[in-house]
Amino acid sequence: MDDWESLRAPLDAVREGQADEESITKAVDAAELVASAAGEPPAELPHAAREWVETHGVPPDDLVELAVRSMKQIANENEWWRERTNDLRFRLGDIAAP
C-alpha cells in the first residue's frame, strides 16, 4: 500500500460486499495502518507497518470513518472475524470519537 488512497480500495471493497477471505484480510490490514497512523497501534506493530506509519503521518478523517464502517461490517460476517477485529474496532472507535 503506497498512500492513503491505496488504503481506500480494500476498505471500499468490503463496504461494497466483497466478503471473501482475501478481501477481508486486505481491509483489516488497511484499517490497522489507519489506526496505527492515527495514534492507536496494536501492541505489536510489525516493522514494515511502523515504517509506513512513520512515513505517512496522520490519516484523513474520512478514511478513519471508512475504516470504522468497514470493520463493523467485517465483524458482522461471523464470530471469528468479530473476535479478530475486536481490539482494532475499539482502537478505531477511540480515534473517531469526538
PDB file of N, CA and C in Angstrom:
ATOM      1  N   MET A   1       0.853  -1.163   0.000  1.00  0.00           N
ATOM      2  CA  MET A   1       0.000   0.000   0.000  1.00  0.00           C
ATOM      3  C   MET A   1       0.898   1.226   0.000  1.00  0.00           C
ATOM      4  N   ASP A   2       0.639   2.072  -0.968  1.00  0.00           N
ATOM      5  CA  ASP A   2       1.559   3.174  -1.201  1.00  0.00           C
ATOM      6  C   ASP A   2       1.199   4.485  -0.506  1.00  0.00           C
ATOM      7  N   ASP A   3      -0.091   4.779  -0.410  1.00  0.00           N
ATOM      8  CA  ASP A   3      -0.513   6.047   0.156  1.00  0.00           C
ATOM      9  C   ASP A   3      -1.913   5.884   0.746  1.00  0.00           C
ATOM     10  N   TRP A   4      -2.474   6.987   1.241  1.00  0.00           N
ATOM     11  CA  TRP A   4      -3.809   6.908   1.851  1.00  0.00           C
ATOM     12  C   TRP A   4      -4.847   6.406   0.852  1.00  0.00           C
ATOM     13  N   GLU A   5      -4.759   6.854  -0.380  1.00  0.00           N
ATOM     14  CA  GLU A   5      -5.740   6.422  -1.376  1.00  0.00           C
ATOM     15  C   GLU A   5      -5.678   4.920  -1.618  1.00  0.00           C
ATOM     16  N   SER A   6      -4.488   4.354  -1.534  1.00  0.00           N
ATOM     17  CA  SER A   6      -4.372   2.907  -1.752  1.00  0.00           C
ATOM     18  C   SER A   6      -5.016   2.111  -0.614  1.00  0.00           C
ATOM     19  N   LEU A   7      -5.199   2.740   0.541  1.00  0.00           N
ATOM     20  CA  LEU A   7      -5.879   2.070   1.654  1.00  0.00           C
ATOM     21  C   LEU A   7      -7.398   2.074   1.466  1.00  0.00           C
ATOM     22  N   ARG A   8      -7.887   3.025   0.695  1.00  0.00           N
ATOM     23  CA  ARG A   8      -9.341   3.116   0.475  1.00  0.00           C
ATOM     24  C   ARG A   8      -9.889   1.919  -0.301  1.00  0.00           C
ATOM     25  N   ALA A   9      -9.136   1.437  -1.274  1.00  0.00           N
ATOM     26  CA  ALA A   9      -9.635   0.370  -2.150  1.00  0.00           C
ATOM     27  C   ALA A   9     -10.069  -0.881  -1.374  1.00  0.00           C
ATOM     28  N   PRO A  10      -9.232  -1.443  -0.493  1.00  0.00           N
ATOM     29  CA  PRO A  10      -9.691  -2.629   0.224  1.00  0.00           C
ATOM     30  C   PRO A  10     -10.823  -2.337   1.210  1.00  0.00           C
ATOM     31  N   LEU A  11     -10.821  -1.144   1.783  1.00  0.00           N
ATOM     32  CA  LEU A  11     -11.908  -0.780   2.701  1.00  0.00           C
ATOM     33  C   LEU A  11     -13.218  -0.604   1.942  1.00  0.00           C
ATOM     34  N   ASP A  12     -13.145   0.055   0.787  1.00  0.00           N
ATOM     35  CA  ASP A  12     -14.338   0.215  -0.057  1.00  0.00           C
ATOM     36  C   ASP A  12     -14.852  -1.130  -0.565  1.00  0.00           C
ATOM     37  N   ALA A  13     -13.935  -2.031  -0.903  1.00  0.00           N
ATOM     38  CA  ALA A  13     -14.337  -3.344  -1.427  1.00  0.00           C
ATOM     39  C   ALA A  13     -15.214  -4.077  -0.414  1.00  0.00           C
ATOM     40  N   VAL A  14     -14.830  -4.036   0.839  1.00  0.00           N
ATOM     41  CA  VAL A  14     -15.626  -4.684   1.892  1.00  0.00           C
ATOM     42  C   VAL A  14     -16.977  -3.989   2.027  1.00  0.00           C
ATOM     43  N   ARG A  15     -16.973  -2.687   1.973  1.00  0.00           N
ATOM     44  CA  ARG A  15     -18.230  -1.935   2.090  1.00  0.00           C
ATOM     45  C   ARG A  15     -19.171  -2.267   0.933  1.00  0.00           C
ATOM     46  N   GLU A  16     -18.589  -2.602  -0.218  1.00  0.00           N
ATOM     47  CA  GLU A  16     -19.399  -2.932  -1.396  1.00  0.00           C
ATOM     48  C   GLU A  16     -19.795  -4.401  -1.435  1.00  0.00           C
ATOM     49  N   GLY A  17     -19.462  -5.145  -0.373  1.00  0.00           N
ATOM     50  CA  GLY A  17     -19.942  -6.507  -0.270  1.00  0.00           C
ATOM     51  C   GLY A  17     -18.953  -7.617  -0.555  1.00  0.00           C
ATOM     52  N   GLN A  18     -17.714  -7.287  -0.839  1.00  0.00           N
ATOM     53  CA  GLN A  18     -16.715  -8.342  -1.059  1.00  0.00           C
ATOM     54  C   GLN A  18     -16.329  -8.924   0.297  1.00  0.00           C
ATOM     55  N   ALA A  19     -16.786 -10.138   0.563  1.00  0.00           N
ATOM     56  CA  ALA A  19     -16.579 -10.734   1.879  1.00  0.00           C
ATOM     57  C   ALA A  19     -15.731 -11.996   1.825  1.00  0.00           C
ATOM     58  N   ASP A  20     -14.952 -12.150   0.765  1.00  0.00           N
ATOM     59  CA  ASP A  20     -14.066 -13.305   0.706  1.00  0.00           C
ATOM     60  C   ASP A  20     -12.872 -13.064   1.633  1.00  0.00           C
ATOM     61  N   GLU A  21     -12.204 -14.129   1.995  1.00  0.00           N
ATOM     62  CA  GLU A  21     -11.103 -14.087   2.964  1.00  0.00           C
ATOM     63  C   GLU A  21     -10.019 -13.088   2.563  1.00  0.00           C
ATOM     64  N   GLU A  22      -9.626 -13.091   1.303  1.00  0.00           N
ATOM     65  CA  GLU A  22      -8.566 -12.191   0.843  1.00  0.00           C
ATOM     66  C   GLU A  22      -8.980 -10.730   0.958  1.00  0.00           C
ATOM     67  N   SER A  23     -10.198 -10.399   0.556  1.00  0.00           N
ATOM     68  CA  SER A  23     -10.679  -9.019   0.638  1.00  0.00           C
ATOM     69  C   SER A  23     -10.750  -8.546   2.080  1.00  0.00           C
ATOM     70  N   ILE A  24     -11.244  -9.409   2.947  1.00  0.00           N
ATOM     71  CA  ILE A  24     -11.345  -9.046   4.356  1.00  0.00           C
ATOM     72  C   ILE A  24      -9.959  -8.847   4.965  1.00  0.00           C
ATOM     73  N   THR A  25      -9.047  -9.734   4.663  1.00  0.00           N
ATOM     74  CA  THR A  25      -7.689  -9.619   5.200  1.00  0.00           C
ATOM     75  C   THR A  25      -7.025  -8.319   4.755  1.00  0.00           C
ATOM     76  N   LYS A  26      -7.184  -7.971   3.487  1.00  0.00           N
ATOM     77  CA  LYS A  26      -6.608  -6.711   2.986  1.00  0.00           C
ATOM     78  C   LYS A  26      -7.243  -5.506   3.672  1.00  0.00           C
ATOM     79  N   ALA A  27      -8.550  -5.560   3.915  1.00  0.00           N
ATOM     80  CA  ALA A  27      -9.237  -4.455   4.585  1.00  0.00           C
ATOM     81  C   ALA A  27      -8.776  -4.324   6.034  1.00  0.00           C
ATOM     82  N   VAL A  28      -8.616  -5.442   6.715  1.00  0.00           N
ATOM     83  CA  VAL A  28      -8.135  -5.411   8.102  1.00  0.00           C
ATOM     84  C   VAL A  28      -6.721  -4.834   8.149  1.00  0.00           C
ATOM     85  N   ASP A  29      -5.872  -5.247   7.229  1.00  0.00           N
ATOM     86  CA  ASP A  29      -4.506  -4.698   7.170  1.00  0.00           C
ATOM     87  C   ASP A  29      -4.537  -3.192   6.937  1.00  0.00           C
ATOM     88  N   ALA A  30      -5.394  -2.738   6.044  1.00  0.00           N
ATOM     89  CA  ALA A  30      -5.514  -1.300   5.768  1.00  0.00           C
ATOM     90  C   ALA A  30      -6.014  -0.557   7.002  1.00  0.00           C
ATOM     91  N   ALA A  31      -7.011  -1.111   7.662  1.00  0.00           N
ATOM     92  CA  ALA A  31      -7.553  -0.468   8.863  1.00  0.00           C
ATOM     93  C   ALA A  31      -6.510  -0.411   9.978  1.00  0.00           C
ATOM     94  N   GLU A  32      -5.669  -1.434  10.074  1.00  0.00           N
ATOM     95  CA  GLU A  32      -4.593  -1.409  11.072  1.00  0.00           C
ATOM     96  C   GLU A  32      -3.623  -0.258  10.796  1.00  0.00           C
ATOM     97  N   LEU A  33      -3.312  -0.014   9.529  1.00  0.00           N
ATOM     98  CA  LEU A  33      -2.432   1.108   9.200  1.00  0.00           C
ATOM     99  C   LEU A  33      -3.094   2.437   9.541  1.00  0.00           C
ATOM    100  N   VAL A  34      -4.378   2.548   9.260  1.00  0.00           N
ATOM    101  CA  VAL A  34      -5.115   3.780   9.589  1.00  0.00           C
ATOM    102  C   VAL A  34      -5.091   4.015  11.100  1.00  0.00           C
ATOM    103  N   ALA A  35      -5.446   2.997  11.866  1.00  0.00           N
ATOM    104  CA  ALA A  35      -5.475   3.137  13.323  1.00  0.00           C
ATOM    105  C   ALA A  35      -4.087   3.460  13.874  1.00  0.00           C
ATOM    106  N   SER A  36      -3.088   2.780  13.368  1.00  0.00           N
ATOM    107  CA  SER A  36      -1.719   2.998  13.844  1.00  0.00           C
ATOM    108  C   SER A  36      -1.233   4.407  13.538  1.00  0.00           C
ATOM    109  N   ALA A  37      -1.498   4.873  12.341  1.00  0.00           N
ATOM    110  CA  ALA A  37      -1.070   6.222  11.953  1.00  0.00           C
ATOM    111  C   ALA A  37      -1.820   7.297  12.731  1.00  0.00           C
ATOM    112  N   ALA A  38      -3.012   6.968  13.185  1.00  0.00           N
ATOM    113  CA  ALA A  38      -3.803   7.925  13.963  1.00  0.00           C
ATOM    114  C   ALA A  38      -3.452   7.876  15.447  1.00  0.00           C
ATOM    115  N   GLY A  39      -2.473   7.062  15.808  1.00  0.00           N
ATOM    116  CA  GLY A  39      -2.007   7.042  17.185  1.00  0.00           C
ATOM    117  C   GLY A  39      -2.512   5.889  18.025  1.00  0.00           C
ATOM    118  N   GLU A  40      -3.149   4.907  17.407  1.00  0.00           N
ATOM    119  CA  GLU A  40      -3.676   3.750  18.134  1.00  0.00           C
ATOM    120  C   GLU A  40      -3.151   2.446  17.526  1.00  0.00           C
ATOM    121  N   PRO A  41      -1.844   2.215  17.612  1.00  0.00           N
ATOM    122  CA  PRO A  41      -1.288   0.977  17.043  1.00  0.00           C
ATOM    123  C   PRO A  41      -1.612  -0.236  17.918  1.00  0.00           C
ATOM    124  N   PRO A  42      -1.514  -1.431  17.344  1.00  0.00           N
ATOM    125  CA  PRO A  42      -1.678  -2.628  18.163  1.00  0.00           C
ATOM    126  C   PRO A  42      -0.476  -2.778  19.094  1.00  0.00           C
ATOM    127  N   ALA A  43      -0.563  -3.697  20.026  1.00  0.00           N
ATOM    128  CA  ALA A  43       0.534  -3.912  20.979  1.00  0.00           C
ATOM    129  C   ALA A  43       1.852  -4.212  20.257  1.00  0.00           C
ATOM    130  N   GLU A  44       1.772  -4.975  19.175  1.00  0.00           N
ATOM    131  CA  GLU A  44       2.982  -5.305  18.418  1.00  0.00           C
ATOM    132  C   GLU A  44       2.764  -4.972  16.950  1.00  0.00           C
ATOM    133  N   LEU A  45       3.290  -3.845  16.530  1.00  0.00           N
ATOM    134  CA  LEU A  45       3.186  -3.407  15.143  1.00  0.00           C
ATOM    135  C   LEU A  45       4.414  -3.892  14.378  1.00  0.00           C
ATOM    136  N   PRO A  46       4.209  -4.652  13.293  1.00  0.00           N
ATOM    137  CA  PRO A  46       5.366  -5.132  12.513  1.00  0.00           C
ATOM    138  C   PRO A  46       6.231  -3.968  12.020  1.00  0.00           C
ATOM    139  N   HIS A  47       7.507  -4.236  11.855  1.00  0.00           N
ATOM    140  CA  HIS A  47       8.462  -3.200  11.468  1.00  0.00           C
ATOM    141  C   HIS A  47       8.053  -2.485  10.168  1.00  0.00           C
ATOM    142  N   ALA A  48       7.656  -3.243   9.155  1.00  0.00           N
ATOM    143  CA  ALA A  48       7.274  -2.629   7.876  1.00  0.00           C
ATOM    144  C   ALA A  48       6.075  -1.697   8.052  1.00  0.00           C
ATOM    145  N   ALA A  49       5.125  -2.094   8.867  1.00  0.00           N
ATOM    146  CA  ALA A  49       3.958  -1.242   9.118  1.00  0.00           C
ATOM    147  C   ALA A  49       4.371   0.009   9.881  1.00  0.00           C
ATOM    148  N   ARG A  50       5.267  -0.149  10.840  1.00  0.00           N
ATOM    149  CA  ARG A  50       5.743   1.007  11.613  1.00  0.00           C
ATOM    150  C   ARG A  50       6.422   2.022  10.690  1.00  0.00           C
ATOM    151  N   GLU A  51       7.237   1.535   9.767  1.00  0.00           N
ATOM    152  CA  GLU A  51       7.894   2.431   8.808  1.00  0.00           C
ATOM    153  C   GLU A  51       6.863   3.145   7.943  1.00  0.00           C
ATOM    154  N   TRP A  52       5.837   2.411   7.485  1.00  0.00           N
ATOM    155  CA  TRP A  52       4.789   3.010   6.652  1.00  0.00           C
ATOM    156  C   TRP A  52       4.098   4.122   7.421  1.00  0.00           C
ATOM    157  N   VAL A  53       3.738   3.853   8.658  1.00  0.00           N
ATOM    158  CA  VAL A  53       3.036   4.823   9.505  1.00  0.00           C
ATOM    159  C   VAL A  53       3.901   6.065   9.724  1.00  0.00           C
ATOM    160  N   GLU A  54       5.164   5.861  10.019  1.00  0.00           N
ATOM    161  CA  GLU A  54       6.065   6.991  10.265  1.00  0.00           C
ATOM    162  C   GLU A  54       6.259   7.848   9.028  1.00  0.00           C
ATOM    163  N   THR A  55       6.140   7.261   7.867  1.00  0.00           N
ATOM    164  CA  THR A  55       6.332   7.977   6.610  1.00  0.00           C
ATOM    165  C   THR A  55       5.093   8.777   6.195  1.00  0.00           C
ATOM    166  N   HIS A  56       3.907   8.315   6.577  1.00  0.00           N
ATOM    167  CA  HIS A  56       2.675   8.896   6.036  1.00  0.00           C
ATOM    168  C   HIS A  56       1.921   9.838   6.964  1.00  0.00           C
ATOM    169  N   GLY A  57       2.279   9.943   8.210  1.00  0.00           N
ATOM    170  CA  GLY A  57       1.619  10.892   9.101  1.00  0.00           C
ATOM    171  C   GLY A  57       0.204  10.487   9.479  1.00  0.00           C
ATOM    172  N   VAL A  58      -0.619  11.482   9.772  1.00  0.00           N
ATOM    173  CA  VAL A  58      -1.978  11.255  10.280  1.00  0.00           C
ATOM    174  C   VAL A  58      -2.955  11.066   9.113  1.00  0.00           C
ATOM    175  N   PRO A  59      -3.837  10.061   9.208  1.00  0.00           N
ATOM    176  CA  PRO A  59      -4.794   9.807   8.121  1.00  0.00           C
ATOM    177  C   PRO A  59      -5.916  10.844   8.090  1.00  0.00           C
ATOM    178  N   PRO A  60      -6.516  11.050   6.923  1.00  0.00           N
ATOM    179  CA  PRO A  60      -7.661  11.951   6.825  1.00  0.00           C
ATOM    180  C   PRO A  60      -8.844  11.394   7.629  1.00  0.00           C
ATOM    181  N   ASP A  61      -9.657  12.282   8.173  1.00  0.00           N
ATOM    182  CA  ASP A  61     -10.808  11.872   8.987  1.00  0.00           C
ATOM    183  C   ASP A  61     -11.762  10.951   8.237  1.00  0.00           C
ATOM    184  N   ASP A  62     -11.995  11.240   6.958  1.00  0.00           N
ATOM    185  CA  ASP A  62     -12.935  10.401   6.210  1.00  0.00           C
ATOM    186  C   ASP A  62     -12.405   8.979   6.026  1.00  0.00           C
ATOM    187  N   LEU A  63     -11.100   8.812   5.999  1.00  0.00           N
ATOM    188  CA  LEU A  63     -10.520   7.476   5.897  1.00  0.00           C
ATOM    189  C   LEU A  63     -10.687   6.717   7.218  1.00  0.00           C
ATOM    190  N   VAL A  64     -10.556   7.423   8.327  1.00  0.00           N
ATOM    191  CA  VAL A  64     -10.790   6.800   9.633  1.00  0.00           C
ATOM    192  C   VAL A  64     -12.244   6.323   9.700  1.00  0.00           C
ATOM    193  N   GLU A  65     -13.177   7.159   9.274  1.00  0.00           N
ATOM    194  CA  GLU A  65     -14.597   6.785   9.284  1.00  0.00           C
ATOM    195  C   GLU A  65     -14.857   5.581   8.382  1.00  0.00           C
ATOM    196  N   LEU A  66     -14.224   5.548   7.225  1.00  0.00           N
ATOM    197  CA  LEU A  66     -14.372   4.413   6.315  1.00  0.00           C
ATOM    198  C   LEU A  66     -13.837   3.142   6.974  1.00  0.00           C
ATOM    199  N   ALA A  67     -12.712   3.241   7.646  1.00  0.00           N
ATOM    200  CA  ALA A  67     -12.145   2.078   8.341  1.00  0.00           C
ATOM    201  C   ALA A  67     -13.089   1.593   9.439  1.00  0.00           C
ATOM    202  N   VAL A  68     -13.678   2.519  10.189  1.00  0.00           N
ATOM    203  CA  VAL A  68     -14.629   2.152  11.241  1.00  0.00           C
ATOM    204  C   VAL A  68     -15.807   1.394  10.649  1.00  0.00           C
ATOM    205  N   ARG A  69     -16.409   1.936   9.595  1.00  0.00           N
ATOM    206  CA  ARG A  69     -17.574   1.294   8.967  1.00  0.00           C
ATOM    207  C   ARG A  69     -17.215  -0.066   8.373  1.00  0.00           C
ATOM    208  N   SER A  70     -16.047  -0.152   7.760  1.00  0.00           N
ATOM    209  CA  SER A  70     -15.616  -1.412   7.153  1.00  0.00           C
ATOM    210  C   SER A  70     -15.399  -2.490   8.205  1.00  0.00           C
ATOM    211  N   MET A  71     -14.769  -2.121   9.320  1.00  0.00           N
ATOM    212  CA  MET A  71     -14.509  -3.117  10.365  1.00  0.00           C
ATOM    213  C   MET A  71     -15.803  -3.556  11.041  1.00  0.00           C
ATOM    214  N   LYS A  72     -16.745  -2.650  11.145  1.00  0.00           N
ATOM    215  CA  LYS A  72     -18.053  -3.027  11.700  1.00  0.00           C
ATOM    216  C   LYS A  72     -18.725  -4.057  10.788  1.00  0.00           C
ATOM    217  N   GLN A  73     -18.643  -3.823   9.505  1.00  0.00           N
ATOM    218  CA  GLN A  73     -19.236  -4.750   8.542  1.00  0.00           C
ATOM    219  C   GLN A  73     -18.535  -6.110   8.599  1.00  0.00           C
ATOM    220  N   ILE A  74     -17.218  -6.105   8.691  1.00  0.00           N
ATOM    221  CA  ILE A  74     -16.465  -7.350   8.787  1.00  0.00           C
ATOM    222  C   ILE A  74     -16.835  -8.102  10.068  1.00  0.00           C
ATOM    223  N   ALA A  75     -16.965  -7.384  11.161  1.00  0.00           N
ATOM    224  CA  ALA A  75     -17.317  -8.017  12.440  1.00  0.00           C
ATOM    225  C   ALA A  75     -18.666  -8.713  12.365  1.00  0.00           C
ATOM    226  N   ASN A  76     -19.538  -8.228  11.510  1.00  0.00           N
ATOM    227  CA  ASN A  76     -20.859  -8.832  11.361  1.00  0.00           C
ATOM    228  C   ASN A  76     -20.854 -10.055  10.441  1.00  0.00           C
ATOM    229  N   GLU A  77     -19.717 -10.350   9.819  1.00  0.00           N
ATOM    230  CA  GLU A  77     -19.627 -11.511   8.924  1.00  0.00           C
ATOM    231  C   GLU A  77     -19.748 -12.826   9.688  1.00  0.00           C
ATOM    232  N   ASN A  78     -19.011 -12.916  10.802  1.00  0.00           N
ATOM    233  CA  ASN A  78     -19.091 -14.115  11.635  1.00  0.00           C
ATOM    234  C   ASN A  78     -18.373 -13.867  12.955  1.00  0.00           C
ATOM    235  N   GLU A  79     -18.525 -14.800  13.866  1.00  0.00           N
ATOM    236  CA  GLU A  79     -17.957 -14.654  15.210  1.00  0.00           C
ATOM    237  C   GLU A  79     -16.429 -14.604  15.182  1.00  0.00           C
ATOM    238  N   TRP A  80     -15.807 -15.396  14.302  1.00  0.00           N
ATOM    239  CA  TRP A  80     -14.349 -15.400  14.235  1.00  0.00           C
ATOM    240  C   TRP A  80     -13.822 -14.024  13.880  1.00  0.00           C
ATOM    241  N   TRP A  81     -14.391 -13.386  12.858  1.00  0.00           N
ATOM    242  CA  TRP A  81     -13.946 -12.042  12.473  1.00  0.00           C
ATOM    243  C   TRP A  81     -14.298 -11.017  13.542  1.00  0.00           C
ATOM    244  N   ARG A  82     -15.424 -11.203  14.209  1.00  0.00           N
ATOM    245  CA  ARG A  82     -15.792 -10.283  15.290  1.00  0.00           C
ATOM    246  C   ARG A  82     -14.715 -10.299  16.364  1.00  0.00           C
ATOM    247  N   GLU A  83     -14.290 -11.490  16.763  1.00  0.00           N
ATOM    248  CA  GLU A  83     -13.249 -11.593  17.786  1.00  0.00           C
ATOM    249  C   GLU A  83     -11.901 -11.080  17.273  1.00  0.00           C
ATOM    250  N   ARG A  84     -11.575 -11.389  16.031  1.00  0.00           N
ATOM    251  CA  ARG A  84     -10.292 -10.983  15.436  1.00  0.00           C
ATOM    252  C   ARG A  84     -10.170  -9.463  15.332  1.00  0.00           C
ATOM    253  N   THR A  85     -11.285  -8.788  15.096  1.00  0.00           N
ATOM    254  CA  THR A  85     -11.238  -7.330  14.898  1.00  0.00           C
ATOM    255  C   THR A  85     -11.665  -6.543  16.134  1.00  0.00           C
ATOM    256  N   ASN A  86     -11.934  -7.213  17.235  1.00  0.00           N
ATOM    257  CA  ASN A  86     -12.445  -6.523  18.420  1.00  0.00           C
ATOM    258  C   ASN A  86     -11.518  -5.397  18.877  1.00  0.00           C
ATOM    259  N   ASP A  87     -10.238  -5.697  19.068  1.00  0.00           N
ATOM    260  CA  ASP A  87      -9.291  -4.680  19.515  1.00  0.00           C
ATOM    261  C   ASP A  87      -9.158  -3.557  18.486  1.00  0.00           C
ATOM    262  N   LEU A  88      -9.070  -3.913  17.226  1.00  0.00           N
ATOM    263  CA  LEU A  88      -8.951  -2.921  16.162  1.00  0.00           C
ATOM    264  C   LEU A  88     -10.171  -2.006  16.139  1.00  0.00           C
ATOM    265  N   ARG A  89     -11.360  -2.579  16.237  1.00  0.00           N
ATOM    266  CA  ARG A  89     -12.586  -1.759  16.236  1.00  0.00           C
ATOM    267  C   ARG A  89     -12.617  -0.831  17.441  1.00  0.00           C
ATOM    268  N   PHE A  90     -12.159  -1.303  18.578  1.00  0.00           N
ATOM    269  CA  PHE A  90     -12.092  -0.473  19.779  1.00  0.00           C
ATOM    270  C   PHE A  90     -11.140   0.702  19.563  1.00  0.00           C
ATOM    271  N   ARG A  91      -9.944   0.416  19.021  1.00  0.00           N
ATOM    272  CA  ARG A  91      -8.962   1.474  18.773  1.00  0.00           C
ATOM    273  C   ARG A  91      -9.452   2.481  17.752  1.00  0.00           C
ATOM    274  N   LEU A  92     -10.110   2.005  16.691  1.00  0.00           N
ATOM    275  CA  LEU A  92     -10.662   2.922  15.695  1.00  0.00           C
ATOM    276  C   LEU A  92     -11.776   3.770  16.299  1.00  0.00           C
ATOM    277  N   GLY A  93     -12.583   3.170  17.159  1.00  0.00           N
ATOM    278  CA  GLY A  93     -13.648   3.918  17.825  1.00  0.00           C
ATOM    279  C   GLY A  93     -13.106   5.041  18.687  1.00  0.00           C
ATOM    280  N   ASP A  94     -11.981   4.803  19.358  1.00  0.00           N
ATOM    281  CA  ASP A  94     -11.353   5.852  20.161  1.00  0.00           C
ATOM    282  C   ASP A  94     -10.910   7.014  19.283  1.00  0.00           C
ATOM    283  N   ILE A  95     -10.435   6.708  18.098  1.00  0.00           N
ATOM    284  CA  ILE A  95      -9.978   7.749  17.173  1.00  0.00           C
ATOM    285  C   ILE A  95     -11.153   8.552  16.641  1.00  0.00           C
ATOM    286  N   ALA A  96     -12.217   7.854  16.270  1.00  0.00           N
ATOM    287  CA  ALA A  96     -13.367   8.507  15.629  1.00  0.00           C
ATOM    288  C   ALA A  96     -14.232   9.276  16.618  1.00  0.00           C
ATOM    289  N   ALA A  97     -14.158   8.931  17.896  1.00  0.00           N
ATOM    290  CA  ALA A  97     -14.988   9.603  18.900  1.00  0.00           C
ATOM    291  C   ALA A  97     -14.556  11.065  19.024  1.00  0.00           C
ATOM    292  N   PRO A  98     -15.519  11.970  19.128  1.00  0.00           N
ATOM    293  CA  PRO A  98     -15.169  13.408  19.242  1.00  0.00           C
ATOM    294  C   PRO A  98     -14.462  13.753  20.531  1.00  0.00           C
TER     295      PRO A  98
END
